[in-house]
C-alpha atoms as a PDB file:
ATOM      1  CA  MET A   1      19.132  59.305   2.789  1.00  0.00           C
ATOM      2  CA  SER A   2      22.894  59.240   2.232  1.00  0.00           C
ATOM      3  CA  THR A   3      23.568  57.746   5.669  1.00  0.00           C
ATOM      4  CA  PHE A   4      21.301  54.715   6.067  1.00  0.00           C
ATOM      5  CA  LEU A   5      18.993  52.555   3.967  1.00  0.00           C
ATOM      6  CA  PHE A   6      15.319  53.468   3.906  1.00  0.00           C
ATOM      7  CA  PRO A   7      12.701  50.729   4.312  1.00  0.00           C
ATOM      8  CA  ARG A   8      11.350  49.458   1.014  1.00  0.00           C
ATOM      9  CA  LYS A   9       7.820  50.677   1.765  1.00  0.00           C
ATOM     10  CA  THR A  10       9.115  54.187   2.437  1.00  0.00           C
ATOM     11  CA  CYS A  11      10.905  54.244  -0.917  1.00  0.00           C
ATOM     12  CA  LEU A  12       7.744  53.062  -2.680  1.00  0.00           C
ATOM     13  CA  LYS A  13       5.718  55.861  -1.050  1.00  0.00           C
ATOM     14  CA  LEU A  14       8.271  58.461  -2.173  1.00  0.00           C
ATOM     15  CA  ASP A  15       8.185  56.994  -5.686  1.00  0.00           C
ATOM     16  CA  ALA A  16       4.389  57.251  -5.639  1.00  0.00           C
ATOM     17  CA  ILE A  17       4.561  60.989  -4.894  1.00  0.00           C
ATOM     18  CA  ILE A  18       6.817  61.585  -7.917  1.00  0.00           C
ATOM     19  CA  GLN A  19       4.628  59.351 -10.071  1.00  0.00           C
ATOM     20  CA  ARG A  20       1.518  61.356  -9.256  1.00  0.00           C
ATOM     21  CA  PHE A  21       3.346  64.604 -10.027  1.00  0.00           C
ATOM     22  CA  TRP A  22       4.433  63.427 -13.470  1.00  0.00           C
ATOM     23  CA  TRP A  23       1.146  61.822 -14.326  1.00  0.00           C
ATOM     24  CA  LYS A  24      -0.767  64.899 -13.021  1.00  0.00           C
ATOM     25  CA  ALA A  25      -3.559  63.080 -11.289  1.00  0.00           C
ATOM     26  CA  GLU A  26      -4.872  66.354  -9.768  1.00  0.00           C
ATOM     27  CA  THR A  27      -6.262  67.442 -13.149  1.00  0.00           C
ATOM     28  CA  ILE A  28      -8.617  64.490 -13.168  1.00  0.00           C
ATOM     29  CA  GLU A  29     -11.888  64.793 -11.311  1.00  0.00           C
ATOM     30  CA  ASN A  30     -11.254  61.616  -9.383  1.00  0.00           C
ATOM     31  CA  GLY A  31      -7.760  61.974  -7.944  1.00  0.00           C
ATOM     32  CA  ASP A  32      -7.350  58.223  -7.505  1.00  0.00           C
ATOM     33  CA  GLN A  33      -7.579  57.624 -11.251  1.00  0.00           C
ATOM     34  CA  PHE A  34      -5.028  58.802 -13.794  1.00  0.00           C
ATOM     35  CA  LEU A  35      -3.617  57.804 -17.136  1.00  0.00           C
ATOM     36  CA  ALA A  36      -0.107  56.298 -17.197  1.00  0.00           C
ATOM     37  CA  LEU A  37       1.142  56.169 -20.785  1.00  0.00           C
ATOM     38  CA  ARG A  38       4.553  54.788 -19.774  1.00  0.00           C
ATOM     39  CA  SER A  39       5.563  52.496 -16.926  1.00  0.00           C
ATOM     40  CA  TRP A  40       7.491  54.026 -14.072  1.00  0.00           C
ATOM     41  CA  LYS A  41      10.364  51.641 -14.703  1.00  0.00           C
ATOM     42  CA  SER A  42      10.776  52.876 -18.270  1.00  0.00           C
ATOM     43  CA  ILE A  43      10.577  56.530 -17.161  1.00  0.00           C
ATOM     44  CA  CYS A  44      13.463  55.946 -14.731  1.00  0.00           C
ATOM     45  CA  LEU A  45      15.734  54.721 -17.524  1.00  0.00           C
ATOM     46  CA  LEU A  46      18.625  56.892 -18.683  1.00  0.00           C
ATOM     47  CA  LYS A  47      17.855  59.430 -21.380  1.00  0.00           C
ATOM     48  CA  ASN A  48      20.109  57.697 -23.894  1.00  0.00           C
ATOM     49  CA  LYS A  49      18.051  54.551 -23.323  1.00  0.00           C
ATOM     50  CA  GLY A  50      14.665  56.177 -23.902  1.00  0.00           C
ATOM     51  CA  GLY A  51      13.758  57.245 -20.372  1.00  0.00           C
ATOM     52  CA  LEU A  52      13.593  60.576 -18.585  1.00  0.00           C
ATOM     53  CA  GLY A  53      16.501  59.879 -16.247  1.00  0.00           C
ATOM     54  CA  LEU A  54      14.391  60.015 -13.079  1.00  0.00           C
ATOM     55  CA  ARG A  55      15.842  58.320 -10.044  1.00  0.00           C
ATOM     56  CA  ASN A  56      14.298  55.366  -8.299  1.00  0.00           C
ATOM     57  CA  PHE A  57      14.424  56.138  -4.566  1.00  0.00           C
ATOM     58  CA  SER A  58      15.507  52.654  -3.538  1.00  0.00           C
ATOM     59  CA  ASP A  59      18.375  52.510  -6.049  1.00  0.00           C
ATOM     60  CA  PHE A  60      19.377  56.104  -5.343  1.00  0.00           C
ATOM     61  CA  ASN A  61      19.398  55.411  -1.600  1.00  0.00           C
ATOM     62  CA  LYS A  62      21.692  52.392  -2.120  1.00  0.00           C
ATOM     63  CA  ALA A  63      23.990  54.445  -4.346  1.00  0.00           C
ATOM     64  CA  LEU A  64      24.401  57.154  -1.701  1.00  0.00           C
ATOM     65  CA  VAL A  65      25.156  54.670   1.073  1.00  0.00           C
ATOM     66  CA  SER A  66      27.538  52.847  -1.267  1.00  0.00           C
ATOM     67  CA  LYS A  67      29.561  56.068  -1.468  1.00  0.00           C
ATOM     68  CA  LEU A  68      30.222  55.684   2.248  1.00  0.00           C
ATOM     69  CA  ALA A  69      31.403  52.119   1.664  1.00  0.00           C
ATOM     70  CA  TRP A  70      33.636  53.341  -1.167  1.00  0.00           C
ATOM     71  CA  GLN A  71      35.253  55.971   1.052  1.00  0.00           C
ATOM     72  CA  ILE A  72      35.922  53.345   3.732  1.00  0.00           C
ATOM     73  CA  PHE A  73      37.343  51.006   1.090  1.00  0.00           C
ATOM     74  CA  GLN A  74      39.720  53.738  -0.038  1.00  0.00           C
ATOM     75  CA  LYS A  75      40.653  54.367   3.621  1.00  0.00           C
ATOM     76  CA  LEU A  76      40.451  58.119   3.280  1.00  0.00           C
ATOM     77  CA  GLU A  77      41.932  60.389   5.928  1.00  0.00           C
ATOM     78  CA  LYS A  78      38.510  61.673   6.966  1.00  0.00           C
ATOM     79  CA  LEU A  79      37.880  61.460  10.684  1.00  0.00           C
ATOM     80  CA  TRP A  80      34.697  59.416  10.422  1.00  0.00           C
ATOM     81  CA  CYS A  81      36.437  56.908   8.095  1.00  0.00           C
ATOM     82  CA  GLN A  82      39.281  56.448  10.557  1.00  0.00           C
ATOM     83  CA  VAL A  83      36.820  55.938  13.419  1.00  0.00           C
ATOM     84  CA  ILE A  84      34.846  53.308  11.489  1.00  0.00           C
ATOM     85  CA  ILE A  85      38.011  51.492  10.384  1.00  0.00           C
ATOM     86  CA  ALA A  86      39.431  51.518  13.908  1.00  0.00           C
ATOM     87  CA  LYS A  87      36.192  50.216  15.413  1.00  0.00           C
ATOM     88  CA  TYR A  88      35.056  47.540  12.946  1.00  0.00           C
ATOM     89  CA  LEU A  89      38.154  46.717  10.878  1.00  0.00           C
ATOM     90  CA  ARG A  90      40.789  46.897  13.586  1.00  0.00           C
ATOM     91  CA  THR A  91      41.771  43.236  13.097  1.00  0.00           C
ATOM     92  CA  GLY A  92      42.824  43.901   9.516  1.00  0.00           C
ATOM     93  CA  THR A  93      39.700  42.415   7.959  1.00  0.00           C
ATOM     94  CA  GLU A  94      38.799  43.983   4.662  1.00  0.00           C
ATOM     95  CA  LEU A  95      35.431  45.619   4.162  1.00  0.00           C
ATOM     96  CA  PHE A  96      34.284  43.095   1.537  1.00  0.00           C
ATOM     97  CA  SER A  97      35.000  40.118   3.797  1.00  0.00           C
ATOM     98  CA  SER A  98      33.604  41.615   7.002  1.00  0.00           C
ATOM     99  CA  VAL A  99      30.697  39.947   8.764  1.00  0.00           C
ATOM    100  CA  GLN A 100      27.627  41.606  10.211  1.00  0.00           C
ATOM    101  CA  VAL A 101      27.934  42.151  13.948  1.00  0.00           C
ATOM    102  CA  GLN A 102      24.756  42.228  16.005  1.00  0.00           C
ATOM    103  CA  GLU A 103      26.028  44.943  18.346  1.00  0.00           C
ATOM    104  CA  ALA A 104      27.214  47.187  15.499  1.00  0.00           C
ATOM    105  CA  SER A 105      25.561  50.508  14.699  1.00  0.00           C
ATOM    106  CA  TRP A 106      22.755  50.645  12.144  1.00  0.00           C
ATOM    107  CA  ILE A 107      24.926  52.773   9.851  1.00  0.00           C
ATOM    108  CA  TRP A 108      27.592  50.048   9.744  1.00  0.00           C
ATOM    109  CA  HIS A 109      24.970  47.390   9.000  1.00  0.00           C
ATOM    110  CA  ASP A 110      23.822  49.360   5.950  1.00  0.00           C
ATOM    111  CA  VAL A 111      27.390  50.075   4.818  1.00  0.00           C
ATOM    112  CA  VAL A 112      28.254  46.361   4.863  1.00  0.00           C
ATOM    113  CA  LYS A 113      25.126  45.585   2.826  1.00  0.00           C
ATOM    114  CA  CYS A 114      26.012  48.166   0.192  1.00  0.00           C
ATOM    115  CA  ALA A 115      29.667  47.071   0.118  1.00  0.00           C
ATOM    116  CA  LYS A 116      28.561  44.150  -2.044  1.00  0.00           C
ATOM    117  CA  ILE A 117      27.538  46.648  -4.735  1.00  0.00           C
ATOM    118  CA  ILE A 118      31.029  48.169  -4.685  1.00  0.00           C
ATOM    119  CA  GLN A 119      32.594  44.715  -4.783  1.00  0.00           C
ATOM    120  CA  LEU A 120      31.000  43.988  -8.164  1.00  0.00           C
ATOM    121  CA  GLY A 121      33.224  46.546  -9.868  1.00  0.00           C
ATOM    122  CA  ALA A 122      36.017  47.314  -7.417  1.00  0.00           C
ATOM    123  CA  CYS A 123      39.599  46.381  -8.225  1.00  0.00           C
ATOM    124  CA  MET A 124      42.966  47.044  -6.628  1.00  0.00           C
ATOM    125  CA  PRO A 125      46.124  47.865  -8.607  1.00  0.00           C
ATOM    126  CA  VAL A 126      49.016  45.543  -7.841  1.00  0.00           C
ATOM    127  CA  SER A 127      51.812  47.871  -6.754  1.00  0.00           C
ATOM    128  CA  THR A 128      53.238  46.456  -3.541  1.00  0.00           C
ATOM    129  CA  HIS A 129      52.792  43.101  -1.880  1.00  0.00           C
ATOM    130  CA  SER A 130      51.782  44.546   1.487  1.00  0.00           C
ATOM    131  CA  ASN A 131      47.998  44.581   0.926  1.00  0.00           C
ATOM    132  CA  ILE A 132      47.556  41.609  -1.417  1.00  0.00           C
ATOM    133  CA  ARG A 133      45.732  38.538  -0.107  1.00  0.00           C
ATOM    134  CA  ILE A 134      46.959  36.005  -2.623  1.00  0.00           C
ATOM    135  CA  TRP A 135      44.608  33.235  -1.446  1.00  0.00           C
ATOM    136  CA  GLU A 136      41.478  35.412  -1.235  1.00  0.00           C
ATOM    137  CA  ASP A 137      41.587  38.256  -3.771  1.00  0.00           C
ATOM    138  CA  PRO A 138      40.411  37.153  -7.250  1.00  0.00           C
ATOM    139  CA  TRP A 139      43.192  37.672  -9.791  1.00  0.00           C
ATOM    140  CA  ILE A 140      40.808  36.651 -12.570  1.00  0.00           C
ATOM    141  CA  PRO A 141      37.338  37.769 -11.385  1.00  0.00           C
ATOM    142  CA  THR A 142      35.448  35.610 -13.890  1.00  0.00           C
ATOM    143  CA  ILE A 143      36.762  32.396 -12.313  1.00  0.00           C
ATOM    144  CA  GLU A 144      34.641  30.998  -9.488  1.00  0.00           C
ATOM    145  CA  ASP A 145      36.234  30.646  -6.078  1.00  0.00           C
ATOM    146  CA  ALA A 146      36.272  27.750  -3.644  1.00  0.00           C
ATOM    147  CA  GLN A 147      33.727  29.465  -1.392  1.00  0.00           C
ATOM    148  CA  HIS A 148      31.138  29.419  -4.154  1.00  0.00           C
ATOM    149  CA  ILE A 149      31.880  25.909  -5.412  1.00  0.00           C
ATOM    150  CA  PHE A 150      31.809  24.128  -2.061  1.00  0.00           C
ATOM    151  CA  LEU A 151      29.628  26.289   0.206  1.00  0.00           C
ATOM    152  CA  ARG A 152      27.398  28.683  -1.743  1.00  0.00           C
ATOM    153  CA  CYS A 153      26.596  26.831  -4.946  1.00  0.00           C
ATOM    154  CA  PRO A 154      22.994  25.513  -5.092  1.00  0.00           C
ATOM    155  CA  PHE A 155      24.428  22.133  -6.116  1.00  0.00           C
ATOM    156  CA  SER A 156      26.509  21.912  -2.919  1.00  0.00           C
ATOM    157  CA  GLU A 157      23.627  23.106  -0.749  1.00  0.00           C
ATOM    158  CA  LYS A 158      21.282  20.433  -2.123  1.00  0.00           C
ATOM    159  CA  LEU A 159      23.961  17.740  -1.854  1.00  0.00           C
ATOM    160  CA  TRP A 160      24.506  18.497   1.844  1.00  0.00           C
ATOM    161  CA  MET A 161      20.755  18.471   2.454  1.00  0.00           C
ATOM    162  CA  LEU A 162      20.654  14.932   1.005  1.00  0.00           C
ATOM    163  CA  SER A 163      23.312  13.770   3.458  1.00  0.00           C
ATOM    164  CA  LYS A 164      22.662  11.736   6.571  1.00  0.00           C
ATOM    165  CA  TRP A 165      22.758  14.867   8.749  1.00  0.00           C
ATOM    166  CA  GLN A 166      20.769  17.186   6.414  1.00  0.00           C
ATOM    167  CA  VAL A 167      23.251  20.026   6.833  1.00  0.00           C
ATOM    168  CA  ARG A 168      22.036  23.502   5.883  1.00  0.00           C
ATOM    169  CA  LEU A 169      24.908  25.494   4.404  1.00  0.00           C
ATOM    170  CA  HIS A 170      23.160  28.865   4.414  1.00  0.00           C
ATOM    171  CA  PRO A 171      23.975  29.697   8.079  1.00  0.00           C
ATOM    172  CA  LEU A 172      27.606  28.687   7.388  1.00  0.00           C
ATOM    173  CA  SER A 173      28.015  30.524   4.086  1.00  0.00           C
ATOM    174  CA  HIS A 174      30.010  33.339   5.735  1.00  0.00           C
ATOM    175  CA  LEU A 175      32.668  30.854   6.885  1.00  0.00           C
ATOM    176  CA  ARG A 176      35.693  29.970   4.823  1.00  0.00           C
ATOM    177  CA  LEU A 177      36.651  26.360   4.165  1.00  0.00           C
ATOM    178  CA  ARG A 178      39.561  26.622   6.584  1.00  0.00           C
ATOM    179  CA  GLU A 179      37.336  27.998   9.355  1.00  0.00           C
ATOM    180  CA  TRP A 180      34.722  25.298   8.785  1.00  0.00           C
ATOM    181  CA  PHE A 181      37.371  22.568   8.900  1.00  0.00           C
ATOM    182  CA  LEU A 182      38.747  23.958  12.168  1.00  0.00           C
ATOM    183  CA  ILE A 183      35.247  23.776  13.639  1.00  0.00           C
ATOM    184  CA  ILE A 184      34.495  20.195  12.608  1.00  0.00           C
ATOM    185  CA  SER A 185      37.991  18.934  13.474  1.00  0.00           C
ATOM    186  CA  ASP A 186      37.819  20.290  17.021  1.00  0.00           C
ATOM    187  CA  PRO A 187      36.916  17.410  19.400  1.00  0.00           C
ATOM    188  CA  LYS A 188      35.233  19.914  21.745  1.00  0.00           C
ATOM    189  CA  SER A 189      33.154  21.533  19.016  1.00  0.00           C
ATOM    190  CA  THR A 190      29.450  22.011  19.726  1.00  0.00           C
ATOM    191  CA  PHE A 191      28.667  21.944  16.021  1.00  0.00           C
ATOM    192  CA  PHE A 192      27.726  18.254  16.043  1.00  0.00           C
ATOM    193  CA  PRO A 193      24.491  16.811  17.441  1.00  0.00           C
ATOM    194  CA  PRO A 194      24.888  14.462  20.441  1.00  0.00           C
ATOM    195  CA  ASP A 195      24.483  11.267  18.371  1.00  0.00           C
ATOM    196  CA  CYS A 196      26.832  12.337  15.550  1.00  0.00           C
ATOM    197  CA  ASN A 197      30.109  10.480  14.943  1.00  0.00           C
ATOM    198  CA  GLN A 198      32.676  13.214  14.374  1.00  0.00           C
ATOM    199  CA  GLN A 199      35.078  10.999  12.415  1.00  0.00           C
ATOM    200  CA  GLU A 200      32.264   9.839  10.146  1.00  0.00           C
ATOM    201  CA  PHE A 201      31.194  13.429   9.515  1.00  0.00           C
ATOM    202  CA  ILE A 202      34.751  14.524   8.638  1.00  0.00           C
ATOM    203  CA  THR A 203      35.006  11.618   6.191  1.00  0.00           C
ATOM    204  CA  ALA A 204      31.697  12.573   4.568  1.00  0.00           C
ATOM    205  CA  TRP A 205      32.808  16.216   4.452  1.00  0.00           C
ATOM    206  CA  ALA A 206      36.020  15.315   2.606  1.00  0.00           C
ATOM    207  CA  LEU A 207      34.187  12.997   0.188  1.00  0.00           C
ATOM    208  CA  THR A 208      31.578  15.671  -0.513  1.00  0.00           C
ATOM    209  CA  LEU A 209      34.275  18.193  -1.409  1.00  0.00           C
ATOM    210  CA  GLU A 210      36.026  15.648  -3.629  1.00  0.00           C
ATOM    211  CA  LEU A 211      32.907  14.533  -5.512  1.00  0.00           C
ATOM    212  CA  THR A 212      31.625  18.105  -5.840  1.00  0.00           C
ATOM    213  CA  TRP A 213      34.913  19.100  -7.459  1.00  0.00           C
ATOM    214  CA  LYS A 214      34.839  16.015  -9.709  1.00  0.00           C
ATOM    215  CA  GLU A 215      31.258  16.670 -10.807  1.00  0.00           C
ATOM    216  CA  ARG A 216      32.080  20.315 -11.508  1.00  0.00           C
ATOM    217  CA  ASN A 217      35.023  19.312 -13.720  1.00  0.00           C
ATOM    218  CA  ASP A 218      33.026  16.605 -15.498  1.00  0.00           C
ATOM    219  CA  ARG A 219      30.291  19.060 -16.418  1.00  0.00           C
ATOM    220  CA  LEU A 220      32.850  21.659 -17.447  1.00  0.00           C
ATOM    221  CA  HIS A 221      34.408  19.196 -19.896  1.00  0.00           C
ATOM    222  CA  GLY A 222      31.097  18.107 -21.406  1.00  0.00           C
ATOM    223  CA  LYS A 223      30.536  14.817 -19.566  1.00  0.00           C
ATOM    224  CA  GLU A 224      27.090  13.633 -18.568  1.00  0.00           C
ATOM    225  CA  ALA A 225      25.839  15.169 -15.325  1.00  0.00           C
ATOM    226  CA  GLN A 226      25.218  12.785 -12.434  1.00  0.00           C
ATOM    227  CA  PRO A 227      21.959  13.116 -10.464  1.00  0.00           C
ATOM    228  CA  LEU A 228      22.320  14.502  -6.968  1.00  0.00           C
ATOM    229  CA  GLU A 229      20.763  11.380  -5.472  1.00  0.00           C
ATOM    230  CA  VAL A 230      23.407   9.156  -7.087  1.00  0.00           C
ATOM    231  CA  ILE A 231      26.264  11.297  -5.748  1.00  0.00           C
ATOM    232  CA  ALA A 232      24.725  11.428  -2.259  1.00  0.00           C
ATOM    233  CA  GLN A 233      24.342   7.642  -2.253  1.00  0.00           C
ATOM    234  CA  LEU A 234      27.965   7.215  -3.356  1.00  0.00           C
ATOM    235  CA  ILE A 235      29.133   9.467  -0.506  1.00  0.00           C
ATOM    236  CA  HIS A 236      27.108   7.438   1.993  1.00  0.00           C
ATOM    237  CA  LYS A 237      28.503   4.107   0.731  1.00  0.00           C
ATOM    238  CA  SER A 238      32.090   5.372   0.689  1.00  0.00           C
ATOM    239  CA  THR A 239      31.741   6.772   4.211  1.00  0.00           C
ATOM    240  CA  THR A 240      30.401   3.437   5.455  1.00  0.00           C
ATOM    241  CA  LYS A 241      33.227   1.502   3.783  1.00  0.00           C
ATOM    242  CA  TYR A 242      35.822   3.802   5.298  1.00  0.00           C
ATOM    243  CA  ALA A 243      34.264   3.444   8.755  1.00  0.00           C
ATOM    244  CA  ASP A 244      34.278  -0.357   8.434  1.00  0.00           C
ATOM    245  CA  ALA A 245      37.922  -0.299   7.353  1.00  0.00           C
ATOM    246  CA  ARG A 246      38.873   1.677  10.465  1.00  0.00           C
ATOM    247  CA  VAL A 247      37.366  -0.872  12.811  1.00  0.00           C
ATOM    248  CA  SER A 248      40.233  -2.784  14.365  1.00  0.00           C
ATOM    249  CA  ARG A 249      40.294  -6.436  13.459  1.00  0.00           C
ATOM    250  CA  LYS A 250      39.479  -8.787  16.271  1.00  0.00           C
ATOM    251  CA  ILE A 251      42.435 -10.714  17.634  1.00  0.00           C
ATOM    252  CA  CYS A 252      41.707 -14.301  18.547  1.00  0.00           C
ATOM    253  CA  SER A 253      43.584 -16.020  21.344  1.00  0.00           C
ATOM    254  CA  PHE A 254      46.398 -18.448  20.703  1.00  0.00           C
ATOM    255  CA  ASP A 255      44.373 -21.335  22.162  1.00  0.00           C
ATOM    256  CA  ASN A 256      41.612 -20.850  19.595  1.00  0.00           C
ATOM    257  CA  CYS A 257      44.020 -20.620  16.688  1.00  0.00           C
ATOM    258  CA  ALA A 258      46.163 -23.739  16.628  1.00  0.00           C
ATOM    259  CA  TRP A 259      48.709 -24.211  13.897  1.00  0.00           C
ATOM    260  CA  SER A 260      47.587 -26.459  11.017  1.00  0.00           C
ATOM    261  CA  PRO A 261      49.863 -28.164   8.475  1.00  0.00           C
ATOM    262  CA  PRO A 262      49.868 -27.037   4.838  1.00  0.00           C
ATOM    263  CA  PRO A 263      48.408 -29.148   2.010  1.00  0.00           C
ATOM    264  CA  PRO A 264      50.615 -31.924   0.572  1.00  0.00           C
ATOM    265  CA  GLY A 265      53.388 -30.518  -1.591  1.00  0.00           C
ATOM    266  CA  TRP A 266      53.285 -27.125   0.158  1.00  0.00           C
ATOM    267  CA  ILE A 267      55.624 -25.471   2.638  1.00  0.00           C
ATOM    268  CA  LYS A 268      54.237 -23.213   5.378  1.00  0.00           C
ATOM    269  CA  ILE A 269      56.494 -20.418   6.636  1.00  0.00           C
ATOM    270  CA  ASN A 270      55.503 -18.607   9.818  1.00  0.00           C
ATOM    271  CA  THR A 271      56.947 -15.164  10.546  1.00  0.00           C
ATOM    272  CA  ASP A 272      56.773 -13.121  13.716  1.00  0.00           C
ATOM    273  CA  ILE A 273      58.639 -10.346  15.527  1.00  0.00           C
ATOM    274  CA  ALA A 274      59.589  -9.306  19.043  1.00  0.00           C
ATOM    275  CA  LEU A 275      59.922  -5.563  19.607  1.00  0.00           C
ATOM    276  CA  LYS A 276      61.329  -3.786  22.662  1.00  0.00           C
ATOM    277  CA  ASP A 277      63.228  -0.528  23.223  1.00  0.00           C
ATOM    278  CA  ASN A 278      63.698   0.173  19.496  1.00  0.00           C
ATOM    279  CA  GLN A 279      65.280  -3.258  19.067  1.00  0.00           C
ATOM    280  CA  CYS A 280      63.550  -5.925  17.046  1.00  0.00           C
ATOM    281  CA  VAL A 281      64.131  -9.623  16.401  1.00  0.00           C
ATOM    282  CA  THR A 282      62.472 -11.411  13.483  1.00  0.00           C
ATOM    283  CA  ALA A 283      61.772 -15.128  13.481  1.00  0.00           C
ATOM    284  CA  ILE A 284      60.866 -17.461  10.613  1.00  0.00           C
ATOM    285  CA  VAL A 285      59.901 -21.143  10.809  1.00  0.00           C
ATOM    286  CA  ALA A 286      59.279 -23.373   7.760  1.00  0.00           C
ATOM    287  CA  GLN A 287      57.472 -26.717   8.025  1.00  0.00           C
ATOM    288  CA  SER A 288      56.182 -29.312   5.566  1.00  0.00           C
ATOM    289  CA  HIS A 289      52.752 -30.953   5.404  1.00  0.00           C
ATOM    290  CA  GLN A 290      54.208 -33.752   7.549  1.00  0.00           C
ATOM    291  CA  CYS A 291      54.992 -31.185  10.282  1.00  0.00           C
ATOM    292  CA  ARG A 292      58.700 -31.669   9.623  1.00  0.00           C
ATOM    293  CA  LEU A 293      60.883 -28.711  10.501  1.00  0.00           C
ATOM    294  CA  ILE A 294      62.686 -27.504   7.378  1.00  0.00           C
ATOM    295  CA  LEU A 295      64.018 -24.092   8.380  1.00  0.00           C
ATOM    296  CA  ALA A 296      64.227 -21.943  11.514  1.00  0.00           C
ATOM    297  CA  GLU A 297      65.998 -18.607  11.764  1.00  0.00           C
ATOM    298  CA  THR A 298      66.099 -15.454  13.878  1.00  0.00           C
ATOM    299  CA  LYS A 299      67.658 -12.133  12.966  1.00  0.00           C
ATOM    300  CA  GLU A 300      68.072  -8.818  14.742  1.00  0.00           C
ATOM    301  CA  VAL A 301      66.889  -5.758  12.818  1.00  0.00           C
ATOM    302  CA  TRP A 302      66.759  -2.089  13.762  1.00  0.00           C
ATOM    303  CA  PHE A 303      63.147  -1.012  13.520  1.00  0.00           C
ATOM    304  CA  SER A 304      60.988   0.887  15.988  1.00  0.00           C
ATOM    305  CA  ASP A 305      57.823   0.413  13.944  1.00  0.00           C
ATOM    306  CA  ALA A 306      56.076  -2.958  14.234  1.00  0.00           C
ATOM    307  CA  ASN A 307      54.613  -2.842  10.730  1.00  0.00           C
ATOM    308  CA  LEU A 308      57.999  -2.206   9.150  1.00  0.00           C
ATOM    309  CA  ALA A 309      59.499  -5.029  11.207  1.00  0.00           C
ATOM    310  CA  GLU A 310      56.761  -7.410  10.036  1.00  0.00           C
ATOM    311  CA  LEU A 311      57.501  -6.465   6.436  1.00  0.00           C
ATOM    312  CA  ARG A 312      61.212  -7.130   6.971  1.00  0.00           C
ATOM    313  CA  ALA A 313      60.396 -10.560   8.426  1.00  0.00           C
ATOM    314  CA  ILE A 314      58.291 -11.381   5.359  1.00  0.00           C
ATOM    315  CA  ARG A 315      61.112 -10.254   3.092  1.00  0.00           C
ATOM    316  CA  ILE A 316      63.639 -12.457   4.896  1.00  0.00           C
ATOM    317  CA  ALA A 317      61.251 -15.419   4.677  1.00  0.00           C
ATOM    318  CA  ALA A 318      60.687 -14.836   0.953  1.00  0.00           C
ATOM    319  CA  LEU A 319      64.439 -14.693   0.280  1.00  0.00           C
ATOM    320  CA  ARG A 320      64.981 -17.936   2.204  1.00  0.00           C
ATOM    321  CA  ALA A 321      62.193 -19.599   0.221  1.00  0.00           C
ATOM    322  CA  ILE A 322      63.786 -18.512  -3.070  1.00  0.00           C
ATOM    323  CA  CYS A 323      67.247 -19.675  -2.001  1.00  0.00           C
ATOM    324  CA  SER A 324      65.831 -23.046  -0.883  1.00  0.00           C
ATOM    325  CA  ASP A 325      63.968 -23.534  -4.197  1.00  0.00           C
ATOM    326  CA  PHE A 326      60.590 -23.844  -2.501  1.00  0.00           C
ATOM    327  CA  GLU A 327      57.888 -24.030  -5.220  1.00  0.00           C
ATOM    328  CA  ASN A 328      54.639 -23.814  -3.256  1.00  0.00           C
ATOM    329  CA  VAL A 329      54.759 -21.649  -0.153  1.00  0.00           C
ATOM    330  CA  ILE A 330      52.187 -20.383   2.336  1.00  0.00           C
ATOM    331  CA  PHE A 331      53.240 -17.385   4.418  1.00  0.00           C
ATOM    332  CA  LEU A 332      51.546 -16.968   7.791  1.00  0.00           C
ATOM    333  CA  VAL A 333      52.329 -13.587   9.343  1.00  0.00           C
ATOM    334  CA  GLY A 334      52.181 -13.299  13.138  1.00  0.00           C
ATOM    335  CA  LEU A 335      50.827 -16.593  14.444  1.00  0.00           C
ATOM    336  CA  GLY A 336      49.753 -14.913  17.663  1.00  0.00           C
ATOM    337  CA  LYS A 337      47.278 -12.763  15.726  1.00  0.00           C
ATOM    338  CA  CYS A 338      46.293 -15.606  13.472  1.00  0.00           C
ATOM    339  CA  ASN A 339      44.039 -13.525  11.238  1.00  0.00           C
ATOM    340  CA  PRO A 340      42.870 -15.334   8.082  1.00  0.00           C
ATOM    341  CA  MET A 341      43.411 -12.102   6.150  1.00  0.00           C
ATOM    342  CA  ASP A 342      47.152 -12.381   6.906  1.00  0.00           C
ATOM    343  CA  GLN A 343      47.553 -15.711   5.126  1.00  0.00           C
ATOM    344  CA  ARG A 344      49.032 -15.468   1.661  1.00  0.00           C
ATOM    345  CA  LYS A 345      49.839 -18.184  -0.837  1.00  0.00           C
ATOM    346  CA  SER A 346      52.536 -17.888  -3.458  1.00  0.00           C
END
């Protein structure tokens, strides 16, 4: 009984034997009928709480096996403790964070189950820094950890079930956030179904963590709680917007995007760059609504990034417009791309 956990039915049968002894059913003519003046639960209470101090077999069995877990936690010099630690904790994993292994012995399975009982009241004095896991050990036990908030909380579990993929967090509850992120960020991961977009899932994962944290803080500070359906819909919309923003803009050919003059009274300034071998040349051309050339200039700049070079070309064009006292100006960035989103009026 002090080595492994008994089945629940076995414990109930042992409890029944003690119950019959205390209630003295053998004195009654019909042995199956007896008078129980107090419930068995109340009889098993401590004497200072009104009971007789009898032990419930299931609880007593867990307490005895928990003593084994406590001895392993203390890493005693006993031979059996050293064998268990060397076999199942050889990678440095602590007992409280260890995971059930299918091939492990039945004694170890029961010890890991009862370790959770020890964890409720166990603490470690801070003496040296050698055994302290600063990111995992709770310094203030009453404060919830990230594992609970994002993976084990019923709110998070329901929110993931409302997602597009209907993710069940229960099989993943033993993983840490870092381990889960490594799984979903691996391009070769088998975690995703065949038709799942990995980038879309990572985006939804990040948004779910963000909105879960926001909702937790809002409720903590007395703000009105948002329904789960509203949050799930917001995650879906934000994921879709982000996916649309990542789609590369279509580039039309130069033949289909001829230059057009600006409105009367306006000046159109075109800017473009040529980039090769970390050397860049910017070009600006200014024309009126009558297609009259007003300004043309090229300048060599040292940029290896095309976006930065484009920004420098726009800056040069803006400075030339200010120096020339242009009042109404249209900037057209990169005529070869000719994207309407690149046109800006000032």
